[in-house]
Every structure is written in C-alpha cells, then in structure tokens.
C-alpha cells in the first residue's frame, strides 16, 4: 500500500468519527404516529450498528433506548423516460423508549 492510500484511509476514518451516525429523523406520517407510542425513527448511515446507535442516542438526546431495530432498504431499479435508473437505498433505525422518555425532534 502506498503512502497516499494510507493517508486517504486515515482521513476517511477521521471523517467517520467526526460525523454522526444519525443522518436525520424520518418525518413521515407513520413515524409521527409511532412517536406518540415512544417509537422514534431515524435515517442512519449504512455502517451503523445497534450498539453504536444506542451510544449515539444516549449522547445526543440523553435518553436510554429500550430496544433498537434496524432495517436496510436496498436501491430500487426504475424505468423513467426510456432510461434505466436507480432510487437510492437507505438504512433506518426505530428506537423504542421507556414510557416517560421523549425525544424532541423539532
């Protein structure tokens, strides 16, 4: 491995550490209904795991999740105007909280 490749890999790792695993909260109709039941949904990065998300939520929102479920939605092939394209895939996480806990998304 050359010096340049090693430096690029180190820079990528530093950027991953600095950036948050949570991209944004999912603001959909279904997510708003679930939030009344203490289930909050977030868009997360592809390399996020349940344990890393749990730590991130404790640090960012100061609540301890009871359970986290993660779903990975792959990209979808679409046919538009005679050409084949793709809708980007995404990963989302549902965070379950205790009855008294809340996350302020606004």
PDB file of N, CA and C in Angstrom:
ATOM      1  N   UNK A   1       0.842  -1.176   0.000  1.00  0.00           N
ATOM      2  CA  UNK A   1       0.000   0.000   0.000  1.00  0.00           C
ATOM      3  C   UNK A   1       0.891   1.245   0.000  1.00  0.00           C
ATOM      4  N   UNK A   2       0.549   2.198  -0.826  1.00  0.00           N
ATOM      5  CA  UNK A   2       1.355   3.408  -0.908  1.00  0.00           C
ATOM      6  C   UNK A   2       0.984   4.377   0.200  1.00  0.00           C
ATOM      7  N   UNK A   3       1.825   5.397   0.367  1.00  0.00           N
ATOM      8  CA  UNK A   3       1.584   6.407   1.403  1.00  0.00           C
ATOM      9  C   UNK A   3       0.278   7.149   1.168  1.00  0.00           C
ATOM     10  N   UNK A   4      -0.001   7.465  -0.103  1.00  0.00           N
ATOM     11  CA  UNK A   4      -1.210   8.225  -0.420  1.00  0.00           C
ATOM     12  C   UNK A   4      -2.470   7.446  -0.039  1.00  0.00           C
ATOM     13  N   UNK A   5      -2.493   6.144  -0.318  1.00  0.00           N
ATOM     14  CA  UNK A   5      -3.665   5.326   0.017  1.00  0.00           C
ATOM     15  C   UNK A   5      -3.852   5.253   1.528  1.00  0.00           C
ATOM     16  N   UNK A   6      -2.764   5.101   2.265  1.00  0.00           N
ATOM     17  CA  UNK A   6      -2.849   5.049   3.723  1.00  0.00           C
ATOM     18  C   UNK A   6      -3.394   6.364   4.278  1.00  0.00           C
ATOM     19  N   UNK A   7      -2.922   7.477   3.729  1.00  0.00           N
ATOM     20  CA  UNK A   7      -3.384   8.781   4.182  1.00  0.00           C
ATOM     21  C   UNK A   7      -4.867   8.974   3.887  1.00  0.00           C
ATOM     22  N   UNK A   8      -5.315   8.527   2.701  1.00  0.00           N
ATOM     23  CA  UNK A   8      -6.725   8.644   2.347  1.00  0.00           C
ATOM     24  C   UNK A   8      -7.589   7.810   3.288  1.00  0.00           C
ATOM     25  N   UNK A   9      -7.144   6.599   3.647  1.00  0.00           N
ATOM     26  CA  UNK A   9      -7.901   5.750   4.565  1.00  0.00           C
ATOM     27  C   UNK A   9      -7.982   6.372   5.960  1.00  0.00           C
ATOM     28  N   UNK A  10      -6.890   6.964   6.405  1.00  0.00           N
ATOM     29  CA  UNK A  10      -6.882   7.623   7.710  1.00  0.00           C
ATOM     30  C   UNK A  10      -7.855   8.798   7.716  1.00  0.00           C
ATOM     31  N   UNK A  11      -7.867   9.563   6.635  1.00  0.00           N
ATOM     32  CA  UNK A  11      -8.780  10.706   6.534  1.00  0.00           C
ATOM     33  C   UNK A  11     -10.228  10.229   6.559  1.00  0.00           C
ATOM     34  N   UNK A  12     -10.538   9.142   5.844  1.00  0.00           N
ATOM     35  CA  UNK A  12     -11.899   8.595   5.836  1.00  0.00           C
ATOM     36  C   UNK A  12     -12.326   8.183   7.236  1.00  0.00           C
ATOM     37  N   UNK A  13     -11.422   7.538   7.993  1.00  0.00           N
ATOM     38  CA  UNK A  13     -11.744   7.104   9.351  1.00  0.00           C
ATOM     39  C   UNK A  13     -12.012   8.301  10.258  1.00  0.00           C
ATOM     40  N   UNK A  14     -11.216   9.361  10.105  1.00  0.00           N
ATOM     41  CA  UNK A  14     -11.402  10.558  10.923  1.00  0.00           C
ATOM     42  C   UNK A  14     -12.751  11.200  10.610  1.00  0.00           C
ATOM     43  N   UNK A  15     -13.123  11.255   9.332  1.00  0.00           N
ATOM     44  CA  UNK A  15     -14.399  11.843   8.935  1.00  0.00           C
ATOM     45  C   UNK A  15     -15.548  11.031   9.519  1.00  0.00           C
ATOM     46  N   UNK A  16     -15.445   9.694   9.515  1.00  0.00           N
ATOM     47  CA  UNK A  16     -16.493   8.845  10.083  1.00  0.00           C
ATOM     48  C   UNK A  16     -16.648   9.092  11.577  1.00  0.00           C
ATOM     49  N   UNK A  17     -15.528   9.291  12.272  1.00  0.00           N
ATOM     50  CA  UNK A  17     -15.581   9.524  13.717  1.00  0.00           C
ATOM     51  C   UNK A  17     -16.233  10.867  14.014  1.00  0.00           C
ATOM     52  N   UNK A  18     -15.898  11.887  13.232  1.00  0.00           N
ATOM     53  CA  UNK A  18     -16.439  13.229  13.473  1.00  0.00           C
ATOM     54  C   UNK A  18     -17.917  13.321  13.142  1.00  0.00           C
ATOM     55  N   UNK A  19     -18.355  12.625  12.096  1.00  0.00           N
ATOM     56  CA  UNK A  19     -19.755  12.700  11.684  1.00  0.00           C
ATOM     57  C   UNK A  19     -20.632  11.841  12.575  1.00  0.00           C
ATOM     58  N   UNK A  20     -21.868  12.214  12.662  1.00  0.00           N
ATOM     59  CA  UNK A  20     -22.839  11.472  13.458  1.00  0.00           C
ATOM     60  C   UNK A  20     -23.352  10.277  12.659  1.00  0.00           C
ATOM     61  N   UNK A  21     -23.726   9.222  13.366  1.00  0.00           N
ATOM     62  CA  UNK A  21     -24.323   8.055  12.714  1.00  0.00           C
ATOM     63  C   UNK A  21     -25.755   8.340  12.287  1.00  0.00           C
ATOM     64  N   UNK A  22     -26.401   9.276  12.985  1.00  0.00           N
ATOM     65  CA  UNK A  22     -27.788   9.624  12.682  1.00  0.00           C
ATOM     66  C   UNK A  22     -27.791  10.747  11.650  1.00  0.00           C
ATOM     67  N   UNK A  23     -28.373  10.483  10.492  1.00  0.00           N
ATOM     68  CA  UNK A  23     -28.441  11.493   9.440  1.00  0.00           C
ATOM     69  C   UNK A  23     -29.553  12.493   9.757  1.00  0.00           C
ATOM     70  N   UNK A  24     -30.755  11.978   9.992  1.00  0.00           N
ATOM     71  CA  UNK A  24     -31.901  12.850  10.289  1.00  0.00           C
ATOM     72  C   UNK A  24     -33.044  12.009  10.829  1.00  0.00           C
ATOM     73  N   UNK A  25     -33.989  12.642  11.526  1.00  0.00           N
ATOM     74  CA  UNK A  25     -35.196  11.905  11.904  1.00  0.00           C
ATOM     75  C   UNK A  25     -36.091  11.726  10.676  1.00  0.00           C
ATOM     76  N   UNK A  26     -36.798  10.610  10.608  1.00  0.00           N
ATOM     77  CA  UNK A  26     -37.733  10.379   9.498  1.00  0.00           C
ATOM     78  C   UNK A  26     -39.047  11.059   9.848  1.00  0.00           C
ATOM     79  N   UNK A  27     -39.402  12.069   9.078  1.00  0.00           N
ATOM     80  CA  UNK A  27     -40.614  12.830   9.328  1.00  0.00           C
ATOM     81  C   UNK A  27     -41.684  12.406   8.325  1.00  0.00           C
ATOM     82  N   UNK A  28     -42.291  11.250   8.607  1.00  0.00           N
ATOM     83  CA  UNK A  28     -43.365  10.732   7.772  1.00  0.00           C
ATOM     84  C   UNK A  28     -44.621  10.602   8.624  1.00  0.00           C
ATOM     85  N   UNK A  29     -45.724  10.315   7.973  1.00  0.00           N
ATOM     86  CA  UNK A  29     -46.979  10.159   8.695  1.00  0.00           C
ATOM     87  C   UNK A  29     -46.903   8.971   9.657  1.00  0.00           C
ATOM     88  N   UNK A  30     -46.349   7.881   9.174  1.00  0.00           N
ATOM     89  CA  UNK A  30     -46.218   6.693  10.013  1.00  0.00           C
ATOM     90  C   UNK A  30     -45.291   6.960  11.197  1.00  0.00           C
ATOM     91  N   UNK A  31     -44.182   7.647  10.967  1.00  0.00           N
ATOM     92  CA  UNK A  31     -43.240   7.953  12.041  1.00  0.00           C
ATOM     93  C   UNK A  31     -43.865   8.862  13.093  1.00  0.00           C
ATOM     94  N   UNK A  32     -44.710   9.792  12.670  1.00  0.00           N
ATOM     95  CA  UNK A  32     -45.353  10.685  13.639  1.00  0.00           C
ATOM     96  C   UNK A  32     -46.377   9.930  14.487  1.00  0.00           C
ATOM     97  N   UNK A  33     -47.063   8.964  13.901  1.00  0.00           N
ATOM     98  CA  UNK A  33     -47.997   8.137  14.672  1.00  0.00           C
ATOM     99  C   UNK A  33     -47.237   7.285  15.682  1.00  0.00           C
ATOM    100  N   UNK A  34     -46.114   6.710  15.249  1.00  0.00           N
ATOM    101  CA  UNK A  34     -45.312   5.868  16.144  1.00  0.00           C
ATOM    102  C   UNK A  34     -44.659   6.673  17.262  1.00  0.00           C
ATOM    103  N   UNK A  35     -44.359   7.949  17.010  1.00  0.00           N
ATOM    104  CA  UNK A  35     -43.712   8.760  18.042  1.00  0.00           C
ATOM    105  C   UNK A  35     -44.628   8.976  19.244  1.00  0.00           C
ATOM    106  N   UNK A  36     -45.932   8.914  19.028  1.00  0.00           N
ATOM    107  CA  UNK A  36     -46.856   9.024  20.160  1.00  0.00           C
ATOM    108  C   UNK A  36     -46.818   7.769  21.032  1.00  0.00           C
ATOM    109  N   UNK A  37     -46.276   6.669  20.478  1.00  0.00           N
ATOM    110  CA  UNK A  37     -46.129   5.417  21.229  1.00  0.00           C
ATOM    111  C   UNK A  37     -44.684   5.209  21.704  1.00  0.00           C
ATOM    112  N   UNK A  38     -43.894   6.286  21.756  1.00  0.00           N
ATOM    113  CA  UNK A  38     -42.485   6.266  22.179  1.00  0.00           C
ATOM    114  C   UNK A  38     -41.605   5.421  21.268  1.00  0.00           C
ATOM    115  N   UNK A  39     -41.896   5.426  19.973  1.00  0.00           N
ATOM    116  CA  UNK A  39     -41.041   4.784  18.978  1.00  0.00           C
ATOM    117  C   UNK A  39     -40.637   5.871  17.987  1.00  0.00           C
ATOM    118  N   UNK A  40     -39.339   6.162  17.924  1.00  0.00           N
ATOM    119  CA  UNK A  40     -38.825   7.217  17.052  1.00  0.00           C
ATOM    120  C   UNK A  40     -38.002   6.594  15.933  1.00  0.00           C
ATOM    121  N   UNK A  41     -38.147   7.133  14.720  1.00  0.00           N
ATOM    122  CA  UNK A  41     -37.487   6.573  13.544  1.00  0.00           C
ATOM    123  C   UNK A  41     -36.485   7.579  12.994  1.00  0.00           C
ATOM    124  N   UNK A  42     -35.276   7.074  12.662  1.00  0.00           N
ATOM    125  CA  UNK A  42     -34.195   7.921  12.160  1.00  0.00           C
ATOM    126  C   UNK A  42     -33.597   7.330  10.893  1.00  0.00           C
ATOM    127  N   UNK A  43     -33.131   8.196   9.975  1.00  0.00           N
ATOM    128  CA  UNK A  43     -32.289   7.771   8.864  1.00  0.00           C
ATOM    129  C   UNK A  43     -30.867   7.691   9.409  1.00  0.00           C
ATOM    130  N   UNK A  44     -30.176   6.580   9.146  1.00  0.00           N
ATOM    131  CA  UNK A  44     -28.828   6.394   9.671  1.00  0.00           C
ATOM    132  C   UNK A  44     -27.882   6.017   8.540  1.00  0.00           C
ATOM    133  N   UNK A  45     -26.570   6.113   8.806  1.00  0.00           N
ATOM    134  CA  UNK A  45     -25.567   5.756   7.809  1.00  0.00           C
ATOM    135  C   UNK A  45     -25.536   4.243   7.622  1.00  0.00           C
ATOM    136  N   UNK A  46     -24.994   3.796   6.490  1.00  0.00           N
ATOM    137  CA  UNK A  46     -25.021   2.373   6.145  1.00  0.00           C
ATOM    138  C   UNK A  46     -24.221   1.494   7.111  1.00  0.00           C
ATOM    139  N   UNK A  47     -23.164   2.024   7.710  1.00  0.00           N
ATOM    140  CA  UNK A  47     -22.325   1.188   8.581  1.00  0.00           C
ATOM    141  C   UNK A  47     -22.747   1.258  10.049  1.00  0.00           C
ATOM    142  N   UNK A  48     -23.922   1.805  10.349  1.00  0.00           N
ATOM    143  CA  UNK A  48     -24.390   1.929  11.730  1.00  0.00           C
ATOM    144  C   UNK A  48     -24.863   0.576  12.270  1.00  0.00           C
ATOM    145  N   UNK A  49     -24.527   0.310  13.542  1.00  0.00           N
ATOM    146  CA  UNK A  49     -24.981  -0.906  14.209  1.00  0.00           C
ATOM    147  C   UNK A  49     -25.884  -0.521  15.374  1.00  0.00           C
ATOM    148  N   UNK A  50     -26.567  -1.508  15.936  1.00  0.00           N
ATOM    149  CA  UNK A  50     -27.489  -1.222  17.040  1.00  0.00           C
ATOM    150  C   UNK A  50     -26.752  -0.675  18.254  1.00  0.00           C
ATOM    151  N   UNK A  51     -25.608  -1.260  18.586  1.00  0.00           N
ATOM    152  CA  UNK A  51     -24.875  -0.796  19.773  1.00  0.00           C
ATOM    153  C   UNK A  51     -24.326   0.610  19.565  1.00  0.00           C
ATOM    154  N   UNK A  52     -23.792   0.886  18.376  1.00  0.00           N
ATOM    155  CA  UNK A  52     -23.263   2.231  18.124  1.00  0.00           C
ATOM    156  C   UNK A  52     -24.390   3.262  18.102  1.00  0.00           C
ATOM    157  N   UNK A  53     -25.555   2.886  17.572  1.00  0.00           N
ATOM    158  CA  UNK A  53     -26.701   3.796  17.569  1.00  0.00           C
ATOM    159  C   UNK A  53     -27.188   4.061  18.984  1.00  0.00           C
ATOM    160  N   UNK A  54     -27.183   3.040  19.822  1.00  0.00           N
ATOM    161  CA  UNK A  54     -27.613   3.204  21.211  1.00  0.00           C
ATOM    162  C   UNK A  54     -26.725   4.223  21.928  1.00  0.00           C
ATOM    163  N   UNK A  55     -25.427   4.113  21.746  1.00  0.00           N
ATOM    164  CA  UNK A  55     -24.489   5.059  22.365  1.00  0.00           C
ATOM    165  C   UNK A  55     -24.692   6.469  21.820  1.00  0.00           C
ATOM    166  N   UNK A  56     -24.913   6.568  20.525  1.00  0.00           N
ATOM    167  CA  UNK A  56     -25.110   7.873  19.878  1.00  0.00           C
ATOM    168  C   UNK A  56     -26.386   8.555  20.398  1.00  0.00           C
ATOM    169  N   UNK A  57     -27.453   7.789  20.556  1.00  0.00           N
ATOM    170  CA  UNK A  57     -28.715   8.352  21.042  1.00  0.00           C
ATOM    171  C   UNK A  57     -28.590   8.785  22.496  1.00  0.00           C
ATOM    172  N   UNK A  58     -27.897   7.986  23.308  1.00  0.00           N
ATOM    173  CA  UNK A  58     -27.680   8.377  24.708  1.00  0.00           C
ATOM    174  C   UNK A  58     -26.891   9.679  24.781  1.00  0.00           C
ATOM    175  N   UNK A  59     -25.880   9.819  23.925  1.00  0.00           N
ATOM    176  CA  UNK A  59     -25.039  11.016  23.941  1.00  0.00           C
ATOM    177  C   UNK A  59     -25.789  12.237  23.402  1.00  0.00           C
ATOM    178  N   UNK A  60     -26.523  12.058  22.306  1.00  0.00           N
ATOM    179  CA  UNK A  60     -27.152  13.186  21.628  1.00  0.00           C
ATOM    180  C   UNK A  60     -28.461  13.631  22.285  1.00  0.00           C
ATOM    181  N   UNK A  61     -29.319  12.677  22.655  1.00  0.00           N
ATOM    182  CA  UNK A  61     -30.645  13.018  23.169  1.00  0.00           C
ATOM    183  C   UNK A  61     -30.796  12.778  24.672  1.00  0.00           C
ATOM    184  N   UNK A  62     -29.795  12.194  25.302  1.00  0.00           N
ATOM    185  CA  UNK A  62     -29.775  11.948  26.753  1.00  0.00           C
ATOM    186  C   UNK A  62     -30.952  11.092  27.238  1.00  0.00           C
ATOM    187  N   UNK A  63     -31.303  10.072  26.454  1.00  0.00           N
ATOM    188  CA  UNK A  63     -32.285   9.063  26.837  1.00  0.00           C
ATOM    189  C   UNK A  63     -31.702   7.684  26.524  1.00  0.00           C
ATOM    190  N   UNK A  64     -32.071   6.688  27.314  1.00  0.00           N
ATOM    191  CA  UNK A  64     -31.555   5.347  27.094  1.00  0.00           C
ATOM    192  C   UNK A  64     -32.608   4.516  26.355  1.00  0.00           C
ATOM    193  N   UNK A  65     -32.293   4.022  25.139  1.00  0.00           N
ATOM    194  CA  UNK A  65     -33.260   3.228  24.397  1.00  0.00           C
ATOM    195  C   UNK A  65     -33.455   1.848  25.021  1.00  0.00           C
ATOM    196  N   UNK A  66     -34.694   1.374  24.986  1.00  0.00           N
ATOM    197  CA  UNK A  66     -35.009   0.027  25.458  1.00  0.00           C
ATOM    198  C   UNK A  66     -34.643  -0.986  24.382  1.00  0.00           C
ATOM    199  N   UNK A  67     -34.984  -0.654  23.120  1.00  0.00           N
ATOM    200  CA  UNK A  67     -34.737  -1.557  22.005  1.00  0.00           C
ATOM    201  C   UNK A  67     -34.514  -0.729  20.750  1.00  0.00           C
ATOM    202  N   UNK A  68     -33.694  -1.256  19.838  1.00  0.00           N
ATOM    203  CA  UNK A  68     -33.466  -0.606  18.546  1.00  0.00           C
ATOM    204  C   UNK A  68     -33.610  -1.658  17.455  1.00  0.00           C
ATOM    205  N   UNK A  69     -34.400  -1.352  16.440  1.00  0.00           N
ATOM    206  CA  UNK A  69     -34.481  -2.221  15.273  1.00  0.00           C
ATOM    207  C   UNK A  69     -33.933  -1.457  14.071  1.00  0.00           C
ATOM    208  N   UNK A  70     -33.216  -2.162  13.206  1.00  0.00           N
ATOM    209  CA  UNK A  70     -32.582  -1.542  12.050  1.00  0.00           C
ATOM    210  C   UNK A  70     -33.057  -2.264  10.800  1.00  0.00           C
ATOM    211  N   UNK A  71     -33.454  -1.497   9.786  1.00  0.00           N
ATOM    212  CA  UNK A  71     -33.820  -2.106   8.508  1.00  0.00           C
ATOM    213  C   UNK A  71     -33.037  -1.436   7.390  1.00  0.00           C
ATOM    214  N   UNK A  72     -32.569  -2.254   6.473  1.00  0.00           N
ATOM    215  CA  UNK A  72     -31.766  -1.783   5.351  1.00  0.00           C
ATOM    216  C   UNK A  72     -32.610  -1.911   4.093  1.00  0.00           C
ATOM    217  N   UNK A  73     -32.951  -0.806   3.470  1.00  0.00           N
ATOM    218  CA  UNK A  73     -33.758  -0.818   2.253  1.00  0.00           C
ATOM    219  C   UNK A  73     -32.837  -0.641   1.055  1.00  0.00           C
ATOM    220  N   UNK A  74     -32.729  -1.646   0.183  1.00  0.00           N
ATOM    221  CA  UNK A  74     -31.803  -1.566  -0.947  1.00  0.00           C
ATOM    222  C   UNK A  74     -32.289  -0.606  -2.027  1.00  0.00           C
ATOM    223  N   UNK A  75     -31.392  -0.248  -2.935  1.00  0.00           N
ATOM    224  CA  UNK A  75     -31.784   0.638  -4.019  1.00  0.00           C
ATOM    225  C   UNK A  75     -32.738  -0.094  -4.965  1.00  0.00           C
ATOM    226  N   UNK A  76     -33.582   0.674  -5.641  1.00  0.00           N
ATOM    227  CA  UNK A  76     -34.612   0.116  -6.492  1.00  0.00           C
ATOM    228  C   UNK A  76     -34.377   0.573  -7.930  1.00  0.00           C
ATOM    229  N   UNK A  77     -34.469  -0.365  -8.868  1.00  0.00           N
ATOM    230  CA  UNK A  77     -34.312  -0.036 -10.277  1.00  0.00           C
ATOM    231  C   UNK A  77     -35.625   0.558 -10.787  1.00  0.00           C
ATOM    232  N   UNK A  78     -35.547   1.713 -11.450  1.00  0.00           N
ATOM    233  CA  UNK A  78     -36.727   2.373 -12.006  1.00  0.00           C
ATOM    234  C   UNK A  78     -36.498   2.650 -13.490  1.00  0.00           C
ATOM    235  N   UNK A  79     -37.565   2.728 -14.228  1.00  0.00           N
ATOM    236  CA  UNK A  79     -37.524   2.985 -15.664  1.00  0.00           C
ATOM    237  C   UNK A  79     -38.247   4.293 -15.919  1.00  0.00           C
ATOM    238  N   UNK A  80     -37.494   5.344 -16.298  1.00  0.00           N
ATOM    239  CA  UNK A  80     -38.068   6.666 -16.492  1.00  0.00           C
ATOM    240  C   UNK A  80     -37.620   7.245 -17.828  1.00  0.00           C
ATOM    241  N   UNK A  81     -38.575   7.687 -18.611  1.00  0.00           N
ATOM    242  CA  UNK A  81     -38.298   8.334 -19.903  1.00  0.00           C
ATOM    243  C   UNK A  81     -37.385   7.483 -20.788  1.00  0.00           C
ATOM    244  N   UNK A  82     -37.621   6.200 -20.801  1.00  0.00           N
ATOM    245  CA  UNK A  82     -36.867   5.308 -21.672  1.00  0.00           C
ATOM    246  C   UNK A  82     -35.492   4.943 -21.170  1.00  0.00           C
ATOM    247  N   UNK A  83     -35.151   5.332 -19.948  1.00  0.00           N
ATOM    248  CA  UNK A  83     -33.829   5.025 -19.404  1.00  0.00           C
ATOM    249  C   UNK A  83     -33.968   4.323 -18.065  1.00  0.00           C
ATOM    250  N   UNK A  84     -33.002   3.487 -17.782  1.00  0.00           N
ATOM    251  CA  UNK A  84     -32.988   2.782 -16.504  1.00  0.00           C
ATOM    252  C   UNK A  84     -32.184   3.602 -15.510  1.00  0.00           C
ATOM    253  N   UNK A  85     -32.747   3.780 -14.328  1.00  0.00           N
ATOM    254  CA  UNK A  85     -32.067   4.500 -13.263  1.00  0.00           C
ATOM    255  C   UNK A  85     -32.301   3.798 -11.947  1.00  0.00           C
ATOM    256  N   UNK A  86     -31.831   4.383 -10.880  1.00  0.00           N
ATOM    257  CA  UNK A  86     -31.964   3.779  -9.559  1.00  0.00           C
ATOM    258  C   UNK A  86     -32.429   4.812  -8.546  1.00  0.00           C
ATOM    259  N   UNK A  87     -33.339   4.390  -7.663  1.00  0.00           N
ATOM    260  CA  UNK A  87     -33.660   5.173  -6.474  1.00  0.00           C
ATOM    261  C   UNK A  87     -32.668   4.748  -5.413  1.00  0.00           C
ATOM    262  N   UNK A  88     -32.107   5.683  -4.706  1.00  0.00           N
ATOM    263  CA  UNK A  88     -31.089   5.330  -3.727  1.00  0.00           C
ATOM    264  C   UNK A  88     -31.689   4.556  -2.567  1.00  0.00           C
ATOM    265  N   UNK A  89     -30.932   3.630  -2.052  1.00  0.00           N
ATOM    266  CA  UNK A  89     -31.352   2.878  -0.884  1.00  0.00           C
ATOM    267  C   UNK A  89     -31.013   3.646   0.378  1.00  0.00           C
ATOM    268  N   UNK A  90     -31.543   3.177   1.499  1.00  0.00           N
ATOM    269  CA  UNK A  90     -31.269   3.847   2.764  1.00  0.00           C
ATOM    270  C   UNK A  90     -31.385   2.843   3.900  1.00  0.00           C
ATOM    271  N   UNK A  91     -30.909   3.253   5.043  1.00  0.00           N
ATOM    272  CA  UNK A  91     -30.991   2.439   6.249  1.00  0.00           C
ATOM    273  C   UNK A  91     -31.715   3.267   7.300  1.00  0.00           C
ATOM    274  N   UNK A  92     -32.663   2.643   7.985  1.00  0.00           N
ATOM    275  CA  UNK A  92     -33.392   3.376   9.011  1.00  0.00           C
ATOM    276  C   UNK A  92     -33.382   2.580  10.303  1.00  0.00           C
ATOM    277  N   UNK A  93     -33.494   3.308  11.402  1.00  0.00           N
ATOM    278  CA  UNK A  93     -33.497   2.694  12.730  1.00  0.00           C
ATOM    279  C   UNK A  93     -34.711   3.171  13.501  1.00  0.00           C
ATOM    280  N   UNK A  94     -35.397   2.225  14.144  1.00  0.00           N
ATOM    281  CA  UNK A  94     -36.510   2.555  15.029  1.00  0.00           C
ATOM    282  C   UNK A  94     -36.031   2.408  16.459  1.00  0.00           C
ATOM    283  N   UNK A  95     -36.223   3.455  17.254  1.00  0.00           N
ATOM    284  CA  UNK A  95     -35.731   3.481  18.626  1.00  0.00           C
ATOM    285  C   UNK A  95     -36.928   3.442  19.571  1.00  0.00           C
ATOM    286  N   UNK A  96     -36.956   2.428  20.431  1.00  0.00           N
ATOM    287  CA  UNK A  96     -38.026   2.262  21.403  1.00  0.00           C
ATOM    288  C   UNK A  96     -37.557   2.832  22.741  1.00  0.00           C
ATOM    289  N   UNK A  97     -38.389   3.683  23.359  1.00  0.00           N
ATOM    290  CA  UNK A  97     -38.040   4.309  24.628  1.00  0.00           C
ATOM    291  C   UNK A  97     -39.005   3.877  25.728  1.00  0.00           C
ATOM    292  N   UNK A  98     -38.581   4.128  26.984  1.00  0.00           N
ATOM    293  CA  UNK A  98     -39.454   3.851  28.124  1.00  0.00           C
ATOM    294  C   UNK A  98     -40.657   4.795  28.079  1.00  0.00           C
ATOM    295  N   UNK A  99     -41.660   4.488  28.892  1.00  0.00           N
ATOM    296  CA  UNK A  99     -42.908   5.222  28.850  1.00  0.00           C
ATOM    297  C   UNK A  99     -42.747   6.716  29.137  1.00  0.00           C
ATOM    298  N   UNK A 100     -41.920   7.113  30.049  1.00  0.00           N
ATOM    299  CA  UNK A 100     -41.789   8.524  30.407  1.00  0.00           C
ATOM    300  C   UNK A 100     -40.818   9.307  29.542  1.00  0.00           C
ATOM    301  N   UNK A 101     -39.943   8.639  28.796  1.00  0.00           N
ATOM    302  CA  UNK A 101     -38.912   9.322  27.998  1.00  0.00           C
ATOM    303  C   UNK A 101     -39.489   9.898  26.701  1.00  0.00           C
ATOM    304  N   UNK A 102     -38.884  11.006  26.252  1.00  0.00           N
ATOM    305  CA  UNK A 102     -39.272  11.635  24.998  1.00  0.00           C
ATOM    306  C   UNK A 102     -38.040  12.189  24.305  1.00  0.00           C
ATOM    307  N   UNK A 103     -38.117  12.272  22.991  1.00  0.00           N
ATOM    308  CA  UNK A 103     -37.084  12.920  22.183  1.00  0.00           C
ATOM    309  C   UNK A 103     -37.747  14.094  21.476  1.00  0.00           C
ATOM    310  N   UNK A 104     -37.170  15.286  21.633  1.00  0.00           N
ATOM    311  CA  UNK A 104     -37.722  16.464  20.979  1.00  0.00           C
ATOM    312  C   UNK A 104     -37.075  16.603  19.595  1.00  0.00           C
ATOM    313  N   UNK A 105     -37.839  16.327  18.546  1.00  0.00           N
ATOM    314  CA  UNK A 105     -37.309  16.352  17.178  1.00  0.00           C
ATOM    315  C   UNK A 105     -37.437  17.707  16.515  1.00  0.00           C
ATOM    316  N   UNK A 106     -38.216  18.598  17.080  1.00  0.00           N
ATOM    317  CA  UNK A 106     -38.439  19.903  16.449  1.00  0.00           C
ATOM    318  C   UNK A 106     -37.320  20.877  16.728  1.00  0.00           C
TER     319      UNK A 106
END
